[in-house]
Amino acid sequence: MDLAAEAANTAIAVLDWSPAGAQAHHIQVSIIDDILVDAVGGAARTGIDCPLGWPEEFVRFLGAWSAGTLVPPANTDKAWRRGLAYRRTDEVVRERLGVVPLSVAADRIAHPAMRCAGILARLAADGVPVDELVVEAYPAGSLKCWGLPYRRYKGAANAPARDALVDELLTRAPWLDLGEHESLCRASDHALDAVLASLTARAAALDLTVPPAPEDAALAAKEGWIALPTGPLSDLAPERGGPPPAS
């Protein structure tokens, strides 16, 4: 799922896994909340391209400011602000890959995250074990882990680069069949990112993503944790492990 603040730029990709490969069952752009809830509820594992939480330090900062109990910092320099703006998982991605996810505390990605929180709360209220079934995907990070181009493939101006990325993705993953949805993935970076989020969910289902370090586990449970693949794209091939029925 590539989750945007509004339905128009939100996309889902449902992949059916079998011993023969991964078949795109349904890929669609412009998705309302009801469809998202149904999709997550019917999947074995879901990858969502959106932060699943906020920095704990930022949450405490807001609470203290609202209550009038904020202790004045020694200074308000870049390091202090960075500690508020970025989650532990964002820093781990930066350390491992040299790329920095958008700040859910200080960038427009906060708007999709607000929508995501509402959707996840709705699923939890319906009895869906969100913590077990939903993983946070970061397509740029997954692409870099897989050795694929991860920059400048979004938007109409980058259509040629997106075409080349889809070509390379399908070459490296011959078991992935986008079928009639391939043209949509070439036309829309939202659709393509939804596919990448689904593939990341597959990696998580096979325990092929970087887990939080023991000292980060409690924080990750609150802030969210980006699922970074630990191996090549070929590790996701059906013959490498028992496939979940869908993602």
C-alpha atoms as a PDB file:
ATOM      1  CA  MET A   1       0.000   0.000   0.000  1.00  0.00           C
ATOM      2  CA  ASP A   2       1.274   3.459  -0.933  1.00  0.00           C
ATOM      3  CA  LEU A   3      -0.631   5.659   1.498  1.00  0.00           C
ATOM      4  CA  ALA A   4      -1.136   9.355   0.785  1.00  0.00           C
ATOM      5  CA  ALA A   5      -3.115  11.885   2.770  1.00  0.00           C
ATOM      6  CA  GLU A   6      -5.894  11.834   0.165  1.00  0.00           C
ATOM      7  CA  ALA A   7      -7.474   8.960  -1.717  1.00  0.00           C
ATOM      8  CA  ALA A   8      -6.446  10.285  -5.150  1.00  0.00           C
ATOM      9  CA  ASN A   9      -2.755   9.496  -4.649  1.00  0.00           C
ATOM     10  CA  THR A  10      -3.208   6.316  -2.603  1.00  0.00           C
ATOM     11  CA  ALA A  11      -2.582   2.921  -4.210  1.00  0.00           C
ATOM     12  CA  ILE A  12      -2.884  -0.729  -3.248  1.00  0.00           C
ATOM     13  CA  ALA A  13      -1.286  -3.795  -4.786  1.00  0.00           C
ATOM     14  CA  VAL A  14      -2.552  -7.245  -3.849  1.00  0.00           C
ATOM     15  CA  LEU A  15      -0.161 -10.039  -4.769  1.00  0.00           C
ATOM     16  CA  ASP A  16      -1.209 -13.690  -4.752  1.00  0.00           C
ATOM     17  CA  TRP A  17       1.693 -16.037  -3.998  1.00  0.00           C
ATOM     18  CA  SER A  18       1.893 -19.621  -5.196  1.00  0.00           C
ATOM     19  CA  PRO A  19       4.721 -22.080  -5.989  1.00  0.00           C
ATOM     20  CA  ALA A  20       4.614 -20.674  -9.530  1.00  0.00           C
ATOM     21  CA  GLY A  21       5.314 -17.094  -8.458  1.00  0.00           C
ATOM     22  CA  ALA A  22       3.647 -13.858  -7.415  1.00  0.00           C
ATOM     23  CA  GLN A  23       0.646 -12.779  -9.455  1.00  0.00           C
ATOM     24  CA  ALA A  24      -0.747  -9.250  -9.260  1.00  0.00           C
ATOM     25  CA  HIS A  25      -4.339  -9.915  -8.297  1.00  0.00           C
ATOM     26  CA  HIS A  26      -5.372  -6.278  -8.018  1.00  0.00           C
ATOM     27  CA  ILE A  27      -3.550  -2.945  -8.345  1.00  0.00           C
ATOM     28  CA  GLN A  28      -5.481   0.287  -8.104  1.00  0.00           C
ATOM     29  CA  VAL A  29      -4.868   3.991  -7.562  1.00  0.00           C
ATOM     30  CA  SER A  30      -7.351   6.314  -5.835  1.00  0.00           C
ATOM     31  CA  ILE A  31      -8.387   4.358  -2.776  1.00  0.00           C
ATOM     32  CA  ILE A  32     -10.767   5.323   0.019  1.00  0.00           C
ATOM     33  CA  ASP A  33     -10.451   4.183   3.632  1.00  0.00           C
ATOM     34  CA  ASP A  34     -13.106   1.451   3.395  1.00  0.00           C
ATOM     35  CA  ILE A  35     -11.194  -0.309   0.611  1.00  0.00           C
ATOM     36  CA  LEU A  36      -7.926  -0.013   2.538  1.00  0.00           C
ATOM     37  CA  VAL A  37      -9.486  -1.562   5.625  1.00  0.00           C
ATOM     38  CA  ASP A  38     -10.896  -4.451   3.606  1.00  0.00           C
ATOM     39  CA  ALA A  39      -7.568  -5.008   1.838  1.00  0.00           C
ATOM     40  CA  VAL A  40      -5.547  -5.180   5.047  1.00  0.00           C
ATOM     41  CA  GLY A  41      -8.130  -7.377   6.719  1.00  0.00           C
ATOM     42  CA  GLY A  42      -7.990  -9.863   3.848  1.00  0.00           C
ATOM     43  CA  ALA A  43      -4.200 -10.071   3.460  1.00  0.00           C
ATOM     44  CA  ALA A  44      -1.713 -12.376   5.144  1.00  0.00           C
ATOM     45  CA  ARG A  45       0.747  -9.493   5.484  1.00  0.00           C
ATOM     46  CA  THR A  46       0.566  -5.844   4.433  1.00  0.00           C
ATOM     47  CA  GLY A  47       3.349  -3.383   3.768  1.00  0.00           C
ATOM     48  CA  ILE A  48       2.371   0.266   4.144  1.00  0.00           C
ATOM     49  CA  ASP A  49       4.533   3.009   2.684  1.00  0.00           C
ATOM     50  CA  CYS A  50       3.898   5.456   5.510  1.00  0.00           C
ATOM     51  CA  PRO A  51       5.328   6.055   8.992  1.00  0.00           C
ATOM     52  CA  LEU A  52       3.472   3.995  11.588  1.00  0.00           C
ATOM     53  CA  GLY A  53       4.280   6.282  14.499  1.00  0.00           C
ATOM     54  CA  TRP A  54       5.962   9.446  15.741  1.00  0.00           C
ATOM     55  CA  PRO A  55       9.298  10.006  17.497  1.00  0.00           C
ATOM     56  CA  GLU A  56       8.849   9.353  21.210  1.00  0.00           C
ATOM     57  CA  GLU A  57      10.920  12.425  22.071  1.00  0.00           C
ATOM     58  CA  PHE A  58       8.631  14.527  19.876  1.00  0.00           C
ATOM     59  CA  VAL A  59       5.543  13.116  21.596  1.00  0.00           C
ATOM     60  CA  ARG A  60       6.993  13.970  25.013  1.00  0.00           C
ATOM     61  CA  PHE A  61       8.005  17.414  23.757  1.00  0.00           C
ATOM     62  CA  LEU A  62       4.468  18.194  22.616  1.00  0.00           C
ATOM     63  CA  GLY A  63       2.983  16.888  25.857  1.00  0.00           C
ATOM     64  CA  ALA A  64       5.337  18.991  27.960  1.00  0.00           C
ATOM     65  CA  TRP A  65       4.728  22.089  25.845  1.00  0.00           C
ATOM     66  CA  SER A  66       0.964  21.631  26.070  1.00  0.00           C
ATOM     67  CA  ALA A  67       1.130  21.118  29.837  1.00  0.00           C
ATOM     68  CA  GLY A  68       3.451  24.079  30.346  1.00  0.00           C
ATOM     69  CA  THR A  69       6.143  21.835  31.845  1.00  0.00           C
ATOM     70  CA  LEU A  70       8.756  21.956  29.083  1.00  0.00           C
ATOM     71  CA  VAL A  71      12.240  22.127  30.546  1.00  0.00           C
ATOM     72  CA  PRO A  72      14.242  24.722  28.598  1.00  0.00           C
ATOM     73  CA  PRO A  73      16.898  22.965  26.506  1.00  0.00           C
ATOM     74  CA  ALA A  74      20.527  23.988  26.803  1.00  0.00           C
ATOM     75  CA  ASN A  75      20.259  25.074  23.167  1.00  0.00           C
ATOM     76  CA  THR A  76      17.960  24.564  20.210  1.00  0.00           C
ATOM     77  CA  ASP A  77      20.605  23.582  17.696  1.00  0.00           C
ATOM     78  CA  LYS A  78      20.307  21.179  14.783  1.00  0.00           C
ATOM     79  CA  ALA A  79      21.186  18.122  16.882  1.00  0.00           C
ATOM     80  CA  TRP A  80      18.443  18.916  19.413  1.00  0.00           C
ATOM     81  CA  ARG A  81      15.861  19.441  16.674  1.00  0.00           C
ATOM     82  CA  ARG A  82      16.942  16.261  14.899  1.00  0.00           C
ATOM     83  CA  GLY A  83      16.313  14.309  18.090  1.00  0.00           C
ATOM     84  CA  LEU A  84      12.732  15.525  18.004  1.00  0.00           C
ATOM     85  CA  ALA A  85      12.167  15.161  14.263  1.00  0.00           C
ATOM     86  CA  TYR A  86      13.431  11.639  13.549  1.00  0.00           C
ATOM     87  CA  ARG A  87      12.534   8.226  14.911  1.00  0.00           C
ATOM     88  CA  ARG A  88      15.108   5.627  15.863  1.00  0.00           C
ATOM     89  CA  THR A  89      14.225   3.621  12.732  1.00  0.00           C
ATOM     90  CA  ASP A  90      14.866   6.678  10.541  1.00  0.00           C
ATOM     91  CA  GLU A  91      18.345   6.969  12.028  1.00  0.00           C
ATOM     92  CA  VAL A  92      19.005   3.249  11.493  1.00  0.00           C
ATOM     93  CA  VAL A  93      18.039   3.609   7.819  1.00  0.00           C
ATOM     94  CA  ARG A  94      20.387   6.589   7.504  1.00  0.00           C
ATOM     95  CA  GLU A  95      23.230   4.687   9.174  1.00  0.00           C
ATOM     96  CA  ARG A  96      22.760   1.550   7.048  1.00  0.00           C
ATOM     97  CA  LEU A  97      21.863   3.032   3.671  1.00  0.00           C
ATOM     98  CA  GLY A  98      22.908   6.673   3.683  1.00  0.00           C
ATOM     99  CA  VAL A  99      19.369   7.836   2.852  1.00  0.00           C
ATOM    100  CA  VAL A 100      17.089   9.730   5.217  1.00  0.00           C
ATOM    101  CA  PRO A 101      13.334   9.054   5.336  1.00  0.00           C
ATOM    102  CA  LEU A 102      11.058  12.068   5.575  1.00  0.00           C
ATOM    103  CA  SER A 103      10.416  13.278   9.119  1.00  0.00           C
ATOM    104  CA  VAL A 104       6.908  12.377  10.293  1.00  0.00           C
ATOM    105  CA  ALA A 105       7.250  15.122  12.904  1.00  0.00           C
ATOM    106  CA  ALA A 106       8.422  17.937  10.628  1.00  0.00           C
ATOM    107  CA  ASP A 107       7.431  17.174   7.042  1.00  0.00           C
ATOM    108  CA  ARG A 108       4.256  16.749   4.993  1.00  0.00           C
ATOM    109  CA  ILE A 109       4.472  12.976   5.453  1.00  0.00           C
ATOM    110  CA  ALA A 110       2.729  13.679   8.772  1.00  0.00           C
ATOM    111  CA  HIS A 111      -0.576  14.024   6.914  1.00  0.00           C
ATOM    112  CA  PRO A 112      -0.548  10.462   5.514  1.00  0.00           C
ATOM    113  CA  ALA A 113       0.624   9.242   8.934  1.00  0.00           C
ATOM    114  CA  MET A 114      -2.439  10.811  10.565  1.00  0.00           C
ATOM    115  CA  ARG A 115      -4.649   9.012   8.061  1.00  0.00           C
ATOM    116  CA  CYS A 116      -2.730   5.794   8.636  1.00  0.00           C
ATOM    117  CA  ALA A 117      -3.187   6.034  12.410  1.00  0.00           C
ATOM    118  CA  GLY A 118      -6.938   6.369  11.939  1.00  0.00           C
ATOM    119  CA  ILE A 119      -7.067   3.368   9.592  1.00  0.00           C
ATOM    120  CA  LEU A 120      -4.962   1.190  11.913  1.00  0.00           C
ATOM    121  CA  ALA A 121      -7.116   2.176  14.886  1.00  0.00           C
ATOM    122  CA  ARG A 122     -10.197   1.156  12.926  1.00  0.00           C
ATOM    123  CA  LEU A 123      -8.641  -2.202  12.065  1.00  0.00           C
ATOM    124  CA  ALA A 124      -7.604  -2.793  15.670  1.00  0.00           C
ATOM    125  CA  ALA A 125     -11.128  -2.002  16.832  1.00  0.00           C
ATOM    126  CA  ASP A 126     -12.366  -4.676  14.409  1.00  0.00           C
ATOM    127  CA  GLY A 127     -10.057  -7.223  16.016  1.00  0.00           C
ATOM    128  CA  VAL A 128      -7.362  -7.259  13.323  1.00  0.00           C
ATOM    129  CA  PRO A 129      -3.926  -7.960  14.923  1.00  0.00           C
ATOM    130  CA  VAL A 130      -2.294  -4.930  13.338  1.00  0.00           C
ATOM    131  CA  ASP A 131       1.060  -5.380  15.082  1.00  0.00           C
ATOM    132  CA  GLU A 132       1.411  -8.869  13.567  1.00  0.00           C
ATOM    133  CA  LEU A 133       0.072  -8.237  10.070  1.00  0.00           C
ATOM    134  CA  VAL A 134       1.226  -4.729   9.132  1.00  0.00           C
ATOM    135  CA  VAL A 135       4.813  -3.685   8.418  1.00  0.00           C
ATOM    136  CA  GLU A 136       6.181  -0.270   7.557  1.00  0.00           C
ATOM    137  CA  ALA A 137       7.659  -0.209   4.063  1.00  0.00           C
ATOM    138  CA  TYR A 138      10.068   2.348   2.637  1.00  0.00           C
ATOM    139  CA  PRO A 139      10.276   1.696  -1.124  1.00  0.00           C
ATOM    140  CA  ALA A 140      13.450   3.742  -1.632  1.00  0.00           C
ATOM    141  CA  GLY A 141      15.150   1.765   1.122  1.00  0.00           C
ATOM    142  CA  SER A 142      13.939  -1.570  -0.218  1.00  0.00           C
ATOM    143  CA  LEU A 143      15.103  -0.701  -3.726  1.00  0.00           C
ATOM    144  CA  LYS A 144      18.558   0.251  -2.475  1.00  0.00           C
ATOM    145  CA  CYS A 145      18.786  -2.967  -0.450  1.00  0.00           C
ATOM    146  CA  TRP A 146      17.918  -4.915  -3.612  1.00  0.00           C
ATOM    147  CA  GLY A 147      20.474  -3.031  -5.707  1.00  0.00           C
ATOM    148  CA  LEU A 148      17.845  -1.330  -7.858  1.00  0.00           C
ATOM    149  CA  PRO A 149      17.577   2.366  -8.794  1.00  0.00           C
ATOM    150  CA  TYR A 150      15.891   4.126  -5.890  1.00  0.00           C
ATOM    151  CA  ARG A 151      15.831   7.813  -6.834  1.00  0.00           C
ATOM    152  CA  ARG A 152      14.175  10.032  -9.423  1.00  0.00           C
ATOM    153  CA  TYR A 153      11.555   7.604 -10.709  1.00  0.00           C
ATOM    154  CA  LYS A 154       8.508   9.523  -9.458  1.00  0.00           C
ATOM    155  CA  GLY A 155       6.272  11.929 -11.323  1.00  0.00           C
ATOM    156  CA  ALA A 156       5.549  12.491 -15.002  1.00  0.00           C
ATOM    157  CA  ALA A 157       8.984  14.005 -15.649  1.00  0.00           C
ATOM    158  CA  ASN A 158      10.657  10.768 -14.569  1.00  0.00           C
ATOM    159  CA  ALA A 159       8.505   8.396 -16.627  1.00  0.00           C
ATOM    160  CA  PRO A 160      11.496   7.040 -18.613  1.00  0.00           C
ATOM    161  CA  ALA A 161      13.354   6.215 -15.393  1.00  0.00           C
ATOM    162  CA  ARG A 162      10.232   4.544 -13.985  1.00  0.00           C
ATOM    163  CA  ASP A 163       9.922   2.446 -17.165  1.00  0.00           C
ATOM    164  CA  ALA A 164      13.530   1.373 -16.778  1.00  0.00           C
ATOM    165  CA  LEU A 165      12.959   0.523 -13.107  1.00  0.00           C
ATOM    166  CA  VAL A 166       9.957  -1.665 -13.927  1.00  0.00           C
ATOM    167  CA  ASP A 167      12.006  -3.385 -16.647  1.00  0.00           C
ATOM    168  CA  GLU A 168      14.822  -4.121 -14.216  1.00  0.00           C
ATOM    169  CA  LEU A 169      12.430  -5.201 -11.459  1.00  0.00           C
ATOM    170  CA  LEU A 170      10.773  -7.752 -13.741  1.00  0.00           C
ATOM    171  CA  THR A 171      14.137  -8.956 -15.029  1.00  0.00           C
ATOM    172  CA  ARG A 172      15.443  -9.466 -11.510  1.00  0.00           C
ATOM    173  CA  ALA A 173      12.162 -11.028 -10.341  1.00  0.00           C
ATOM    174  CA  PRO A 174      10.975 -13.226 -13.241  1.00  0.00           C
ATOM    175  CA  TRP A 175       8.535 -14.878 -10.840  1.00  0.00           C
ATOM    176  CA  LEU A 176       6.633 -11.561 -10.482  1.00  0.00           C
ATOM    177  CA  ASP A 177       3.736 -11.245 -12.931  1.00  0.00           C
ATOM    178  CA  LEU A 178       2.091  -7.826 -13.015  1.00  0.00           C
ATOM    179  CA  GLY A 179      -0.236  -8.956 -15.806  1.00  0.00           C
ATOM    180  CA  GLU A 180      -2.710  -6.346 -16.980  1.00  0.00           C
ATOM    181  CA  HIS A 181      -1.523  -4.006 -14.212  1.00  0.00           C
ATOM    182  CA  GLU A 182       1.971  -3.551 -15.610  1.00  0.00           C
ATOM    183  CA  SER A 183       0.998  -0.470 -17.609  1.00  0.00           C
ATOM    184  CA  LEU A 184      -0.423   1.156 -14.471  1.00  0.00           C
ATOM    185  CA  CYS A 185       2.831   0.548 -12.592  1.00  0.00           C
ATOM    186  CA  ARG A 186       4.703   2.217 -15.441  1.00  0.00           C
ATOM    187  CA  ALA A 187       2.302   5.161 -15.508  1.00  0.00           C
ATOM    188  CA  SER A 188       1.951   5.697 -11.744  1.00  0.00           C
ATOM    189  CA  ASP A 189       4.721   5.777  -9.172  1.00  0.00           C
ATOM    190  CA  HIS A 190       1.997   5.272  -6.546  1.00  0.00           C
ATOM    191  CA  ALA A 191       1.055   1.921  -8.086  1.00  0.00           C
ATOM    192  CA  LEU A 192       4.709   0.943  -8.370  1.00  0.00           C
ATOM    193  CA  ASP A 193       5.410   1.895  -4.751  1.00  0.00           C
ATOM    194  CA  ALA A 194       2.408  -0.200  -3.677  1.00  0.00           C
ATOM    195  CA  VAL A 195       3.977  -3.207  -5.428  1.00  0.00           C
ATOM    196  CA  LEU A 196       7.300  -2.509  -3.719  1.00  0.00           C
ATOM    197  CA  ALA A 197       5.530  -2.276  -0.360  1.00  0.00           C
ATOM    198  CA  SER A 198       3.907  -5.664  -1.040  1.00  0.00           C
ATOM    199  CA  LEU A 199       7.282  -7.184  -1.873  1.00  0.00           C
ATOM    200  CA  THR A 200       8.655  -5.735   1.361  1.00  0.00           C
ATOM    201  CA  ALA A 201       5.772  -7.371   3.210  1.00  0.00           C
ATOM    202  CA  ARG A 202       6.827 -10.666   1.622  1.00  0.00           C
ATOM    203  CA  ALA A 203      10.370 -10.146   2.921  1.00  0.00           C
ATOM    204  CA  ALA A 204       9.013  -9.468   6.408  1.00  0.00           C
ATOM    205  CA  ALA A 205       6.820 -12.588   6.257  1.00  0.00           C
ATOM    206  CA  LEU A 206       9.936 -14.651   5.517  1.00  0.00           C
ATOM    207  CA  ASP A 207      11.922 -12.971   8.331  1.00  0.00           C
ATOM    208  CA  LEU A 208      14.194 -11.399   5.738  1.00  0.00           C
ATOM    209  CA  THR A 209      14.145  -7.849   7.101  1.00  0.00           C
ATOM    210  CA  VAL A 210      16.300  -6.054   9.668  1.00  0.00           C
ATOM    211  CA  PRO A 211      14.731  -6.375  13.137  1.00  0.00           C
ATOM    212  CA  PRO A 212      15.127  -3.773  15.869  1.00  0.00           C
ATOM    213  CA  ALA A 213      18.143  -4.309  18.095  1.00  0.00           C
ATOM    214  CA  PRO A 214      17.110  -5.529  21.567  1.00  0.00           C
ATOM    215  CA  GLU A 215      17.705  -2.081  23.009  1.00  0.00           C
ATOM    216  CA  ASP A 216      15.455  -0.544  20.311  1.00  0.00           C
ATOM    217  CA  ALA A 217      12.557  -2.993  20.576  1.00  0.00           C
ATOM    218  CA  ALA A 218      10.441  -1.051  23.067  1.00  0.00           C
ATOM    219  CA  LEU A 219      10.914   2.194  21.150  1.00  0.00           C
ATOM    220  CA  ALA A 220      10.130   0.500  17.824  1.00  0.00           C
ATOM    221  CA  ALA A 221       6.839  -0.765  19.245  1.00  0.00           C
ATOM    222  CA  LYS A 222       5.797   2.840  19.839  1.00  0.00           C
ATOM    223  CA  GLU A 223       7.421   4.685  16.943  1.00  0.00           C
ATOM    224  CA  GLY A 224       7.147   2.081  14.192  1.00  0.00           C
ATOM    225  CA  TRP A 225      10.011   0.262  12.463  1.00  0.00           C
ATOM    226  CA  ILE A 226      10.934   0.348   8.772  1.00  0.00           C
ATOM    227  CA  ALA A 227      11.294  -3.131   7.283  1.00  0.00           C
ATOM    228  CA  LEU A 228      14.586  -3.156   5.361  1.00  0.00           C
ATOM    229  CA  PRO A 229      15.276  -6.320   3.325  1.00  0.00           C
ATOM    230  CA  THR A 230      18.378  -8.208   4.387  1.00  0.00           C
ATOM    231  CA  GLY A 231      19.121  -9.896   1.077  1.00  0.00           C
ATOM    232  CA  PRO A 232      18.629  -9.747  -2.684  1.00  0.00           C
ATOM    233  CA  LEU A 233      15.280  -9.669  -4.419  1.00  0.00           C
ATOM    234  CA  SER A 234      15.784 -13.306  -5.439  1.00  0.00           C
ATOM    235  CA  ASP A 235      15.355 -14.278  -1.776  1.00  0.00           C
ATOM    236  CA  LEU A 236      11.640 -13.586  -2.179  1.00  0.00           C
ATOM    237  CA  ALA A 237      11.150 -16.186  -4.902  1.00  0.00           C
ATOM    238  CA  PRO A 238       8.494 -18.766  -3.952  1.00  0.00           C
ATOM    239  CA  GLU A 239      10.975 -21.651  -3.957  1.00  0.00           C
ATOM    240  CA  ARG A 240      12.891 -19.915  -1.156  1.00  0.00           C
ATOM    241  CA  GLY A 241      10.147 -20.488   1.430  1.00  0.00           C
ATOM    242  CA  GLY A 242       6.494 -21.076   2.104  1.00  0.00           C
ATOM    243  CA  PRO A 243       4.643 -18.143   0.585  1.00  0.00           C
ATOM    244  CA  PRO A 244       1.848 -16.314   2.382  1.00  0.00           C
ATOM    245  CA  PRO A 245      -1.355 -16.422   0.313  1.00  0.00           C
ATOM    246  CA  ALA A 246      -1.380 -12.685  -0.357  1.00  0.00           C
ATOM    247  CA  SER A 247       0.268  -9.423   0.620  1.00  0.00           C
END
